[in-house]
């Protein structure tokens, strides 16, 4: 087995372990970020997996207990270096693949509730994983507004396997103040006259 194969296997194993632990909670969750991009758009390298979790409260202990039982540990060094993120992001690592962190992003926002209501079950190498919808990933990336996010969004919009729900996109783009950004990427993707 080559080194890239080992890394891919480690990464997928960590994703599956975290997914299995989170699936035993009552809280809705889904994968967001680069792993979701690999499903809906052009894949790019990533060394972490991000899960959006509906926070019923600010106490992450129920999630932490399940993830600790699966072998995950909190990355205290990362939390010490990112004190402002402590309230919304819980970074974990598994001892079998410490180089692939798992981030739990907790949210109660109306948009994130809608994201979790629209999540989709996706088969990822034999495991069923909740994934953000392509439309909601587009909106998340437009909110982040990094240069690579615009490229990511265009790759999703150009995916011939997808039929994007443009009504949903425009509705939430207006609510989130992203109308101009959505117009820009849809034009760049050739989806607007």
N, C-alpha and C. Protein backbone atom coordinates (compact mmCIF):
# COMPACT_ATOMS: atom_id res chain seq x y z
N UNK A 1 0.85 -1.18 0.00
CA UNK A 1 0.00 0.00 0.00
C UNK A 1 0.89 1.24 0.00
N UNK A 2 0.59 2.19 -0.84
CA UNK A 2 1.40 3.40 -0.94
C UNK A 2 1.00 4.39 0.16
N UNK A 3 1.86 5.38 0.40
CA UNK A 3 1.57 6.36 1.44
C UNK A 3 0.26 7.10 1.21
N UNK A 4 -0.08 7.56 -0.01
CA UNK A 4 -1.38 8.21 -0.20
C UNK A 4 -2.55 7.30 0.15
N UNK A 5 -2.43 5.99 -0.16
CA UNK A 5 -3.50 5.05 0.20
C UNK A 5 -3.66 4.96 1.71
N UNK A 6 -2.54 4.91 2.43
CA UNK A 6 -2.58 4.84 3.89
C UNK A 6 -3.26 6.09 4.44
N UNK A 7 -2.87 7.27 3.93
CA UNK A 7 -3.49 8.51 4.40
C UNK A 7 -4.98 8.51 4.12
N UNK A 8 -5.39 8.09 2.92
CA UNK A 8 -6.81 8.07 2.59
C UNK A 8 -7.55 7.10 3.50
N UNK A 9 -6.98 5.93 3.74
CA UNK A 9 -7.63 4.96 4.62
C UNK A 9 -7.74 5.49 6.04
N UNK A 10 -6.68 6.14 6.56
CA UNK A 10 -6.72 6.74 7.89
C UNK A 10 -7.81 7.80 7.97
N UNK A 11 -7.85 8.66 6.96
CA UNK A 11 -8.83 9.75 6.92
C UNK A 11 -10.25 9.18 6.93
N UNK A 12 -10.52 8.23 6.05
CA UNK A 12 -11.86 7.64 5.98
C UNK A 12 -12.22 6.92 7.27
N UNK A 13 -11.25 6.26 7.89
CA UNK A 13 -11.51 5.58 9.16
C UNK A 13 -11.90 6.58 10.24
N UNK A 14 -11.22 7.72 10.29
CA UNK A 14 -11.55 8.76 11.27
C UNK A 14 -12.94 9.32 11.00
N UNK A 15 -13.25 9.57 9.74
CA UNK A 15 -14.58 10.08 9.37
C UNK A 15 -15.65 9.08 9.82
N UNK A 16 -15.44 7.81 9.54
CA UNK A 16 -16.42 6.79 9.90
C UNK A 16 -16.57 6.65 11.41
N UNK A 17 -15.47 6.70 12.16
CA UNK A 17 -15.54 6.63 13.62
C UNK A 17 -16.34 7.80 14.19
N UNK A 18 -16.04 9.00 13.72
CA UNK A 18 -16.75 10.18 14.21
C UNK A 18 -18.23 10.12 13.81
N UNK A 19 -18.50 9.72 12.59
CA UNK A 19 -19.88 9.61 12.11
C UNK A 19 -20.66 8.60 12.95
N UNK A 20 -20.06 7.47 13.24
CA UNK A 20 -20.73 6.44 14.04
C UNK A 20 -21.05 6.97 15.44
N UNK A 21 -20.10 7.67 16.05
CA UNK A 21 -20.34 8.22 17.39
C UNK A 21 -21.44 9.27 17.36
N UNK A 22 -21.39 10.17 16.38
CA UNK A 22 -22.40 11.23 16.30
C UNK A 22 -23.78 10.67 15.96
N UNK A 23 -23.83 9.59 15.19
CA UNK A 23 -25.13 9.03 14.81
C UNK A 23 -25.88 8.45 16.00
N UNK A 24 -25.18 8.20 17.09
CA UNK A 24 -25.86 7.67 18.28
C UNK A 24 -26.44 8.78 19.15
N UNK A 25 -26.27 10.04 18.76
CA UNK A 25 -26.89 11.15 19.49
C UNK A 25 -28.25 11.45 18.89
N UNK A 26 -29.02 12.23 19.59
CA UNK A 26 -30.31 12.67 19.06
C UNK A 26 -30.19 13.98 18.28
N UNK A 27 -29.01 14.58 18.29
CA UNK A 27 -28.81 15.87 17.63
C UNK A 27 -28.54 15.69 16.15
N UNK A 28 -29.18 16.49 15.32
CA UNK A 28 -28.87 16.45 13.89
C UNK A 28 -27.44 16.94 13.64
N UNK A 29 -26.79 16.36 12.66
CA UNK A 29 -25.43 16.75 12.30
C UNK A 29 -25.24 16.44 10.82
N UNK A 30 -24.21 17.04 10.23
CA UNK A 30 -23.83 16.70 8.86
C UNK A 30 -22.41 17.17 8.60
N UNK A 31 -21.80 16.57 7.60
CA UNK A 31 -20.46 16.96 7.17
C UNK A 31 -20.57 18.23 6.34
N UNK A 32 -19.67 19.17 6.62
CA UNK A 32 -19.55 20.40 5.83
C UNK A 32 -18.10 20.52 5.39
N UNK A 33 -17.76 21.54 4.66
CA UNK A 33 -16.36 21.79 4.32
C UNK A 33 -15.85 20.98 3.15
N UNK A 34 -14.54 20.73 3.16
CA UNK A 34 -13.86 20.14 2.00
C UNK A 34 -14.33 18.71 1.70
N UNK A 35 -14.68 17.94 2.71
CA UNK A 35 -15.17 16.59 2.43
C UNK A 35 -16.49 16.66 1.66
N UNK A 36 -17.38 17.56 2.07
CA UNK A 36 -18.64 17.75 1.33
C UNK A 36 -18.36 18.27 -0.08
N UNK A 37 -17.37 19.13 -0.21
CA UNK A 37 -16.99 19.63 -1.53
C UNK A 37 -16.59 18.47 -2.44
N UNK A 38 -15.88 17.48 -1.90
CA UNK A 38 -15.47 16.33 -2.69
C UNK A 38 -16.64 15.52 -3.22
N UNK A 39 -17.78 15.61 -2.54
CA UNK A 39 -18.99 14.91 -2.99
C UNK A 39 -19.72 15.73 -4.05
N UNK A 40 -19.81 17.05 -3.86
CA UNK A 40 -20.65 17.89 -4.72
C UNK A 40 -19.89 18.68 -5.77
N UNK A 41 -18.59 18.84 -5.63
CA UNK A 41 -17.83 19.67 -6.56
C UNK A 41 -16.49 19.04 -6.88
N UNK A 42 -15.49 19.87 -7.10
CA UNK A 42 -14.15 19.39 -7.40
C UNK A 42 -13.40 19.14 -6.10
N UNK A 43 -13.00 17.89 -5.85
CA UNK A 43 -12.29 17.60 -4.59
C UNK A 43 -10.99 18.40 -4.49
N UNK A 44 -10.65 18.74 -3.24
CA UNK A 44 -9.35 19.35 -2.99
C UNK A 44 -8.81 18.77 -1.70
N UNK A 45 -7.51 18.91 -1.53
CA UNK A 45 -6.85 18.32 -0.36
C UNK A 45 -7.42 18.90 0.93
N UNK A 46 -7.57 18.04 1.91
CA UNK A 46 -7.99 18.47 3.24
C UNK A 46 -7.37 17.53 4.26
N UNK A 47 -7.14 18.06 5.42
CA UNK A 47 -6.56 17.25 6.48
C UNK A 47 -7.44 17.24 7.72
N UNK A 48 -8.70 17.64 7.55
CA UNK A 48 -9.62 17.56 8.67
C UNK A 48 -11.00 17.22 8.14
N UNK A 49 -11.91 16.97 9.05
CA UNK A 49 -13.31 16.79 8.67
C UNK A 49 -14.12 17.67 9.61
N UNK A 50 -15.07 18.39 9.01
CA UNK A 50 -15.90 19.32 9.77
C UNK A 50 -17.33 18.80 9.81
N UNK A 51 -17.87 18.72 11.02
CA UNK A 51 -19.26 18.34 11.22
C UNK A 51 -20.00 19.54 11.79
N UNK A 52 -21.13 19.90 11.19
CA UNK A 52 -22.03 20.89 11.76
C UNK A 52 -22.98 20.13 12.67
N UNK A 53 -23.13 20.60 13.91
CA UNK A 53 -23.98 19.93 14.89
C UNK A 53 -24.96 20.95 15.45
N UNK A 54 -26.23 20.60 15.49
CA UNK A 54 -27.22 21.49 16.09
C UNK A 54 -27.01 21.48 17.59
N UNK A 55 -26.69 22.63 18.13
CA UNK A 55 -26.41 22.75 19.57
C UNK A 55 -27.71 23.01 20.31
N UNK A 56 -28.16 22.04 21.08
CA UNK A 56 -29.35 22.24 21.90
C UNK A 56 -29.01 23.08 23.13
N UNK A 57 -27.75 23.07 23.47
CA UNK A 57 -27.25 23.86 24.59
C UNK A 57 -25.77 24.11 24.32
N UNK A 58 -25.13 24.86 25.18
CA UNK A 58 -23.71 25.17 24.95
C UNK A 58 -22.79 24.12 25.55
N UNK A 59 -23.36 23.08 26.13
CA UNK A 59 -22.55 22.05 26.77
C UNK A 59 -22.24 20.93 25.78
N UNK A 60 -20.98 20.78 25.38
CA UNK A 60 -20.63 19.73 24.42
C UNK A 60 -20.43 18.36 25.07
N UNK A 61 -20.65 18.24 26.37
CA UNK A 61 -20.33 17.00 27.07
C UNK A 61 -21.02 15.75 26.51
N UNK A 62 -22.30 15.82 26.11
CA UNK A 62 -22.91 14.60 25.54
C UNK A 62 -22.16 14.11 24.30
N UNK A 63 -21.75 15.03 23.45
CA UNK A 63 -20.99 14.66 22.25
C UNK A 63 -19.61 14.17 22.63
N UNK A 64 -19.01 14.88 23.55
CA UNK A 64 -17.65 14.56 23.97
C UNK A 64 -17.58 13.16 24.57
N UNK A 65 -18.58 12.80 25.37
CA UNK A 65 -18.60 11.47 25.97
C UNK A 65 -18.64 10.37 24.92
N UNK A 66 -19.48 10.54 23.92
CA UNK A 66 -19.59 9.54 22.85
C UNK A 66 -18.31 9.46 22.03
N UNK A 67 -17.73 10.61 21.74
CA UNK A 67 -16.50 10.63 20.94
C UNK A 67 -15.32 10.10 21.74
N UNK A 68 -15.28 10.39 23.03
CA UNK A 68 -14.21 9.82 23.87
C UNK A 68 -14.34 8.30 23.93
N UNK A 69 -15.57 7.81 24.01
CA UNK A 69 -15.79 6.36 24.02
C UNK A 69 -15.30 5.73 22.73
N UNK A 70 -15.31 6.50 21.63
CA UNK A 70 -14.81 6.00 20.34
C UNK A 70 -13.31 6.22 20.20
N UNK A 71 -12.67 6.77 21.24
CA UNK A 71 -11.22 6.94 21.22
C UNK A 71 -10.73 8.33 20.92
N UNK A 72 -11.62 9.29 20.68
CA UNK A 72 -11.21 10.66 20.36
C UNK A 72 -10.83 11.42 21.63
N UNK A 73 -9.94 12.38 21.47
CA UNK A 73 -9.54 13.26 22.57
C UNK A 73 -9.57 14.70 22.08
N UNK A 74 -9.88 15.61 23.00
CA UNK A 74 -9.89 17.03 22.67
C UNK A 74 -8.46 17.50 22.44
N UNK A 75 -8.27 18.29 21.41
CA UNK A 75 -6.95 18.87 21.12
C UNK A 75 -6.84 20.17 21.90
N UNK A 76 -6.37 20.08 23.15
CA UNK A 76 -6.29 21.24 24.03
C UNK A 76 -5.30 22.28 23.50
N UNK A 77 -4.24 21.84 22.85
CA UNK A 77 -3.27 22.78 22.30
C UNK A 77 -3.94 23.69 21.28
N UNK A 78 -4.76 23.11 20.42
CA UNK A 78 -5.47 23.90 19.42
C UNK A 78 -6.43 24.87 20.10
N UNK A 79 -7.16 24.38 21.11
CA UNK A 79 -8.12 25.24 21.81
C UNK A 79 -7.42 26.38 22.53
N UNK A 80 -6.25 26.11 23.12
CA UNK A 80 -5.49 27.18 23.79
C UNK A 80 -5.05 28.24 22.79
N UNK A 81 -4.71 27.82 21.58
CA UNK A 81 -4.26 28.76 20.54
C UNK A 81 -5.43 29.47 19.86
N UNK A 82 -6.65 28.97 20.05
CA UNK A 82 -7.84 29.54 19.40
C UNK A 82 -8.95 29.75 20.43
N UNK A 83 -8.71 30.59 21.45
CA UNK A 83 -9.69 30.71 22.54
C UNK A 83 -11.07 31.22 22.10
N UNK A 84 -11.12 32.02 21.05
CA UNK A 84 -12.43 32.53 20.61
C UNK A 84 -13.27 31.45 19.94
N UNK A 85 -12.63 30.42 19.45
CA UNK A 85 -13.35 29.33 18.79
C UNK A 85 -13.92 28.32 19.79
N UNK A 86 -13.44 28.37 21.02
CA UNK A 86 -13.81 27.37 22.03
C UNK A 86 -15.32 27.22 22.19
N UNK A 87 -16.07 28.31 22.07
CA UNK A 87 -17.52 28.26 22.27
C UNK A 87 -18.26 27.58 21.12
N UNK A 88 -17.68 27.59 19.92
CA UNK A 88 -18.42 27.08 18.76
C UNK A 88 -17.76 25.89 18.07
N UNK A 89 -16.47 25.65 18.33
CA UNK A 89 -15.77 24.56 17.66
C UNK A 89 -15.10 23.68 18.72
N UNK A 90 -15.30 22.39 18.57
CA UNK A 90 -14.61 21.42 19.41
C UNK A 90 -13.71 20.61 18.49
N UNK A 91 -12.38 20.77 18.65
CA UNK A 91 -11.43 20.04 17.80
C UNK A 91 -10.98 18.78 18.54
N UNK A 92 -11.09 17.66 17.83
CA UNK A 92 -10.75 16.35 18.38
C UNK A 92 -9.75 15.65 17.47
N UNK A 93 -9.08 14.67 18.04
CA UNK A 93 -8.17 13.84 17.26
C UNK A 93 -8.30 12.41 17.75
N UNK A 94 -8.03 11.47 16.87
CA UNK A 94 -8.05 10.05 17.22
C UNK A 94 -6.61 9.55 17.22
N UNK A 95 -6.23 8.72 18.18
CA UNK A 95 -4.82 8.29 18.27
C UNK A 95 -4.33 7.49 17.06
N UNK A 96 -5.24 6.86 16.32
CA UNK A 96 -4.80 6.10 15.15
C UNK A 96 -4.45 7.00 13.98
N UNK A 97 -4.95 8.25 14.00
CA UNK A 97 -4.67 9.20 12.92
C UNK A 97 -4.70 10.62 13.48
N UNK A 98 -3.75 10.96 14.35
CA UNK A 98 -3.77 12.28 14.99
C UNK A 98 -3.59 13.43 14.01
N UNK A 99 -3.10 13.15 12.82
CA UNK A 99 -2.88 14.17 11.81
C UNK A 99 -4.16 14.53 11.05
N UNK A 100 -5.30 13.90 11.37
CA UNK A 100 -6.59 14.20 10.75
C UNK A 100 -7.57 14.65 11.83
N UNK A 101 -7.60 15.94 12.16
CA UNK A 101 -8.52 16.40 13.21
C UNK A 101 -9.98 16.37 12.77
N UNK A 102 -10.84 16.25 13.76
CA UNK A 102 -12.29 16.31 13.57
C UNK A 102 -12.77 17.56 14.29
N UNK A 103 -13.43 18.44 13.56
CA UNK A 103 -13.99 19.65 14.15
C UNK A 103 -15.50 19.53 14.23
N UNK A 104 -16.04 19.71 15.43
CA UNK A 104 -17.48 19.81 15.61
C UNK A 104 -17.82 21.28 15.71
N UNK A 105 -18.63 21.77 14.79
CA UNK A 105 -19.03 23.17 14.76
C UNK A 105 -20.46 23.22 15.28
N UNK A 106 -20.65 23.84 16.45
CA UNK A 106 -21.97 23.89 17.08
C UNK A 106 -22.69 25.17 16.67
N UNK A 107 -23.98 25.04 16.36
CA UNK A 107 -24.73 26.22 15.94
C UNK A 107 -26.21 26.07 16.27
N UNK A 108 -26.84 27.21 16.46
CA UNK A 108 -28.30 27.29 16.65
C UNK A 108 -28.93 28.26 15.66
N UNK A 109 -28.17 28.78 14.71
CA UNK A 109 -28.70 29.81 13.81
C UNK A 109 -29.82 29.24 12.93
N UNK A 110 -30.76 30.10 12.51
CA UNK A 110 -31.83 29.63 11.62
C UNK A 110 -31.28 29.02 10.33
N UNK A 111 -30.23 29.62 9.78
CA UNK A 111 -29.65 29.06 8.56
C UNK A 111 -29.10 27.66 8.82
N UNK A 112 -28.35 27.49 9.90
CA UNK A 112 -27.78 26.17 10.18
C UNK A 112 -28.86 25.14 10.50
N UNK A 113 -29.95 25.57 11.11
CA UNK A 113 -31.09 24.65 11.30
C UNK A 113 -31.62 24.19 9.95
N UNK A 114 -31.73 25.13 9.01
CA UNK A 114 -32.21 24.78 7.66
C UNK A 114 -31.22 23.85 6.97
N UNK A 115 -29.92 24.09 7.16
CA UNK A 115 -28.90 23.21 6.59
C UNK A 115 -29.12 21.78 7.09
N UNK A 116 -29.34 21.64 8.38
CA UNK A 116 -29.51 20.30 8.95
C UNK A 116 -30.84 19.68 8.54
N UNK A 117 -31.86 20.48 8.33
CA UNK A 117 -33.14 19.95 7.82
C UNK A 117 -33.00 19.41 6.40
N UNK A 118 -32.09 19.99 5.63
CA UNK A 118 -31.92 19.63 4.21
C UNK A 118 -30.75 18.67 3.96
N UNK A 119 -30.09 18.23 4.99
CA UNK A 119 -28.93 17.34 4.82
C UNK A 119 -29.33 16.10 4.04
N UNK A 120 -28.34 15.46 3.46
CA UNK A 120 -28.60 14.26 2.64
C UNK A 120 -27.72 13.11 3.10
N UNK A 121 -28.29 11.92 3.08
CA UNK A 121 -27.52 10.71 3.37
C UNK A 121 -26.75 10.33 2.11
N UNK A 122 -25.43 10.20 2.25
CA UNK A 122 -24.55 9.90 1.12
C UNK A 122 -23.73 8.67 1.46
N UNK A 123 -23.55 7.80 0.48
CA UNK A 123 -22.67 6.64 0.67
C UNK A 123 -21.23 7.08 0.40
N UNK A 124 -20.39 6.91 1.41
CA UNK A 124 -18.98 7.27 1.28
C UNK A 124 -18.16 6.02 1.58
N UNK A 125 -17.72 5.35 0.53
CA UNK A 125 -16.91 4.13 0.66
C UNK A 125 -17.59 3.11 1.57
N UNK A 126 -18.90 2.93 1.38
CA UNK A 126 -19.63 1.91 2.11
C UNK A 126 -20.25 2.36 3.42
N UNK A 127 -19.99 3.59 3.83
CA UNK A 127 -20.59 4.12 5.06
C UNK A 127 -21.60 5.20 4.69
N UNK A 128 -22.75 5.19 5.35
CA UNK A 128 -23.74 6.23 5.13
C UNK A 128 -23.42 7.41 6.03
N UNK A 129 -23.22 8.57 5.41
CA UNK A 129 -22.80 9.77 6.14
C UNK A 129 -23.75 10.90 5.79
N UNK A 130 -24.19 11.64 6.81
CA UNK A 130 -25.01 12.82 6.56
C UNK A 130 -24.12 13.93 6.01
N UNK A 131 -24.53 14.49 4.87
CA UNK A 131 -23.75 15.50 4.16
C UNK A 131 -24.64 16.72 3.94
N UNK A 132 -24.06 17.91 4.03
CA UNK A 132 -24.81 19.12 3.69
C UNK A 132 -25.23 19.04 2.23
N UNK A 133 -26.35 19.68 1.91
CA UNK A 133 -26.79 19.70 0.51
C UNK A 133 -25.84 20.57 -0.30
N UNK A 134 -25.78 20.37 -1.62
CA UNK A 134 -24.89 21.21 -2.42
C UNK A 134 -25.27 22.69 -2.36
N UNK A 135 -26.57 22.98 -2.31
CA UNK A 135 -27.01 24.38 -2.23
C UNK A 135 -26.53 25.03 -0.93
N UNK A 136 -26.66 24.31 0.17
CA UNK A 136 -26.26 24.89 1.45
C UNK A 136 -24.74 25.00 1.57
N UNK A 137 -24.02 24.08 0.95
CA UNK A 137 -22.56 24.20 0.93
C UNK A 137 -22.17 25.45 0.13
N UNK A 138 -22.86 25.70 -0.96
CA UNK A 138 -22.61 26.93 -1.74
C UNK A 138 -22.80 28.16 -0.85
N UNK A 139 -23.90 28.20 -0.12
CA UNK A 139 -24.18 29.36 0.74
C UNK A 139 -23.15 29.49 1.86
N UNK A 140 -22.74 28.37 2.45
CA UNK A 140 -21.72 28.42 3.50
C UNK A 140 -20.41 28.98 2.96
N UNK A 141 -20.04 28.52 1.78
CA UNK A 141 -18.78 28.98 1.19
C UNK A 141 -18.86 30.44 0.76
N UNK A 142 -20.01 30.89 0.31
CA UNK A 142 -20.17 32.30 -0.01
C UNK A 142 -20.06 33.16 1.25
N UNK A 143 -20.57 32.65 2.37
CA UNK A 143 -20.43 33.38 3.65
C UNK A 143 -18.98 33.48 4.06
N UNK A 144 -18.21 32.43 3.84
CA UNK A 144 -16.79 32.43 4.23
C UNK A 144 -15.99 33.40 3.36
N UNK A 145 -16.34 33.49 2.09
CA UNK A 145 -15.78 34.48 1.15
C UNK A 145 -14.26 34.46 0.98
N UNK A 146 -13.64 33.30 1.11
CA UNK A 146 -12.21 33.20 0.80
C UNK A 146 -12.09 32.95 -0.70
N UNK A 147 -10.98 33.37 -1.31
CA UNK A 147 -10.83 33.15 -2.77
C UNK A 147 -11.07 31.71 -3.19
N UNK A 148 -10.56 30.75 -2.43
CA UNK A 148 -10.75 29.35 -2.83
C UNK A 148 -12.21 28.94 -2.72
N UNK A 149 -12.98 29.60 -1.83
CA UNK A 149 -14.39 29.26 -1.70
C UNK A 149 -15.17 29.61 -2.96
N UNK A 150 -14.82 30.71 -3.62
CA UNK A 150 -15.50 31.05 -4.87
C UNK A 150 -15.21 30.00 -5.94
N UNK A 151 -13.96 29.53 -6.01
CA UNK A 151 -13.63 28.45 -6.95
C UNK A 151 -14.40 27.18 -6.61
N UNK A 152 -14.51 26.88 -5.31
CA UNK A 152 -15.25 25.70 -4.86
C UNK A 152 -16.72 25.79 -5.28
N UNK A 153 -17.32 26.97 -5.08
CA UNK A 153 -18.73 27.17 -5.41
C UNK A 153 -18.95 27.01 -6.91
N UNK A 154 -18.07 27.55 -7.71
CA UNK A 154 -18.20 27.42 -9.17
C UNK A 154 -18.12 25.95 -9.56
N UNK A 155 -17.24 25.18 -8.90
CA UNK A 155 -17.14 23.75 -9.24
C UNK A 155 -18.42 23.00 -8.89
N UNK A 156 -19.09 23.39 -7.81
CA UNK A 156 -20.37 22.77 -7.46
C UNK A 156 -21.43 23.15 -8.50
N UNK A 157 -21.49 24.44 -8.81
CA UNK A 157 -22.49 24.93 -9.76
C UNK A 157 -22.33 24.30 -11.14
N UNK A 158 -21.09 23.97 -11.52
CA UNK A 158 -20.83 23.38 -12.84
C UNK A 158 -20.97 21.86 -12.85
N UNK A 159 -21.24 21.24 -11.71
CA UNK A 159 -21.33 19.78 -11.65
C UNK A 159 -22.55 19.32 -12.46
N UNK A 160 -22.33 18.60 -13.57
CA UNK A 160 -23.45 18.19 -14.42
C UNK A 160 -24.38 17.16 -13.77
N UNK A 161 -23.95 16.53 -12.68
CA UNK A 161 -24.78 15.54 -11.99
C UNK A 161 -25.82 16.20 -11.08
N UNK A 162 -25.68 17.51 -10.85
CA UNK A 162 -26.56 18.19 -9.90
C UNK A 162 -27.58 19.06 -10.62
N UNK A 163 -28.76 19.12 -10.05
CA UNK A 163 -29.76 20.11 -10.44
C UNK A 163 -30.01 20.94 -9.20
N UNK A 164 -29.35 22.09 -9.14
CA UNK A 164 -29.43 22.93 -7.95
C UNK A 164 -30.82 23.54 -7.81
N UNK A 165 -31.25 23.65 -6.57
CA UNK A 165 -32.52 24.30 -6.24
C UNK A 165 -32.25 25.81 -6.18
N UNK A 166 -32.42 26.47 -7.31
CA UNK A 166 -32.11 27.90 -7.40
C UNK A 166 -33.03 28.75 -6.54
N UNK A 167 -34.28 28.33 -6.36
CA UNK A 167 -35.19 29.08 -5.49
C UNK A 167 -34.65 29.10 -4.06
N UNK A 168 -34.19 27.95 -3.59
CA UNK A 168 -33.60 27.87 -2.24
C UNK A 168 -32.35 28.75 -2.16
N UNK A 169 -31.49 28.66 -3.16
CA UNK A 169 -30.27 29.46 -3.16
C UNK A 169 -30.58 30.95 -3.10
N UNK A 170 -31.47 31.43 -3.97
CA UNK A 170 -31.77 32.86 -4.00
C UNK A 170 -32.46 33.32 -2.72
N UNK A 171 -33.36 32.50 -2.20
CA UNK A 171 -34.07 32.87 -0.97
C UNK A 171 -33.09 33.08 0.19
N UNK A 172 -32.20 32.09 0.39
CA UNK A 172 -31.24 32.21 1.50
C UNK A 172 -30.15 33.23 1.19
N UNK A 173 -29.77 33.38 -0.06
CA UNK A 173 -28.77 34.41 -0.40
C UNK A 173 -29.31 35.78 -0.01
N UNK A 174 -30.59 36.02 -0.26
CA UNK A 174 -31.19 37.30 0.14
C UNK A 174 -31.21 37.46 1.66
N UNK A 175 -31.59 36.39 2.37
CA UNK A 175 -31.65 36.45 3.84
C UNK A 175 -30.27 36.67 4.45
N UNK A 176 -29.25 36.11 3.82
CA UNK A 176 -27.88 36.18 4.36
C UNK A 176 -27.08 37.35 3.80
N UNK A 177 -27.70 38.14 2.94
CA UNK A 177 -26.98 39.27 2.35
C UNK A 177 -25.93 38.85 1.34
N UNK A 178 -26.20 37.76 0.61
CA UNK A 178 -25.22 37.19 -0.33
C UNK A 178 -25.71 37.24 -1.77
N UNK A 179 -26.67 38.09 -2.06
CA UNK A 179 -27.26 38.14 -3.41
C UNK A 179 -26.19 38.43 -4.47
N UNK A 180 -25.35 39.43 -4.23
CA UNK A 180 -24.32 39.78 -5.20
C UNK A 180 -23.31 38.67 -5.41
N UNK A 181 -22.92 38.01 -4.31
CA UNK A 181 -21.95 36.92 -4.40
C UNK A 181 -22.53 35.74 -5.19
N UNK A 182 -23.80 35.40 -4.92
CA UNK A 182 -24.43 34.29 -5.64
C UNK A 182 -24.56 34.64 -7.12
N UNK A 183 -24.97 35.85 -7.41
CA UNK A 183 -25.08 36.29 -8.80
C UNK A 183 -23.73 36.16 -9.51
N UNK A 184 -22.67 36.57 -8.84
CA UNK A 184 -21.32 36.50 -9.42
C UNK A 184 -20.94 35.06 -9.77
N UNK A 185 -21.11 34.13 -8.82
CA UNK A 185 -20.65 32.76 -9.08
C UNK A 185 -21.55 32.04 -10.07
N UNK A 186 -22.83 32.32 -10.06
CA UNK A 186 -23.71 31.67 -11.04
C UNK A 186 -23.41 32.17 -12.45
N UNK A 187 -23.09 33.45 -12.58
CA UNK A 187 -22.65 33.95 -13.89
C UNK A 187 -21.33 33.30 -14.30
N UNK A 188 -20.39 33.22 -13.35
CA UNK A 188 -19.08 32.61 -13.64
C UNK A 188 -19.22 31.15 -14.04
N UNK A 189 -20.25 30.48 -13.49
CA UNK A 189 -20.49 29.07 -13.81
C UNK A 189 -21.32 28.90 -15.08
N UNK A 190 -21.74 30.01 -15.68
CA UNK A 190 -22.54 29.94 -16.90
C UNK A 190 -23.98 29.58 -16.66
N UNK A 191 -24.50 29.83 -15.45
CA UNK A 191 -25.87 29.46 -15.13
C UNK A 191 -26.86 30.60 -15.26
N UNK A 192 -26.38 31.80 -15.56
CA UNK A 192 -27.26 32.96 -15.73
C UNK A 192 -27.00 33.55 -17.11
N UNK A 193 -28.06 34.07 -17.74
CA UNK A 193 -27.87 34.66 -19.08
C UNK A 193 -27.03 35.92 -19.03
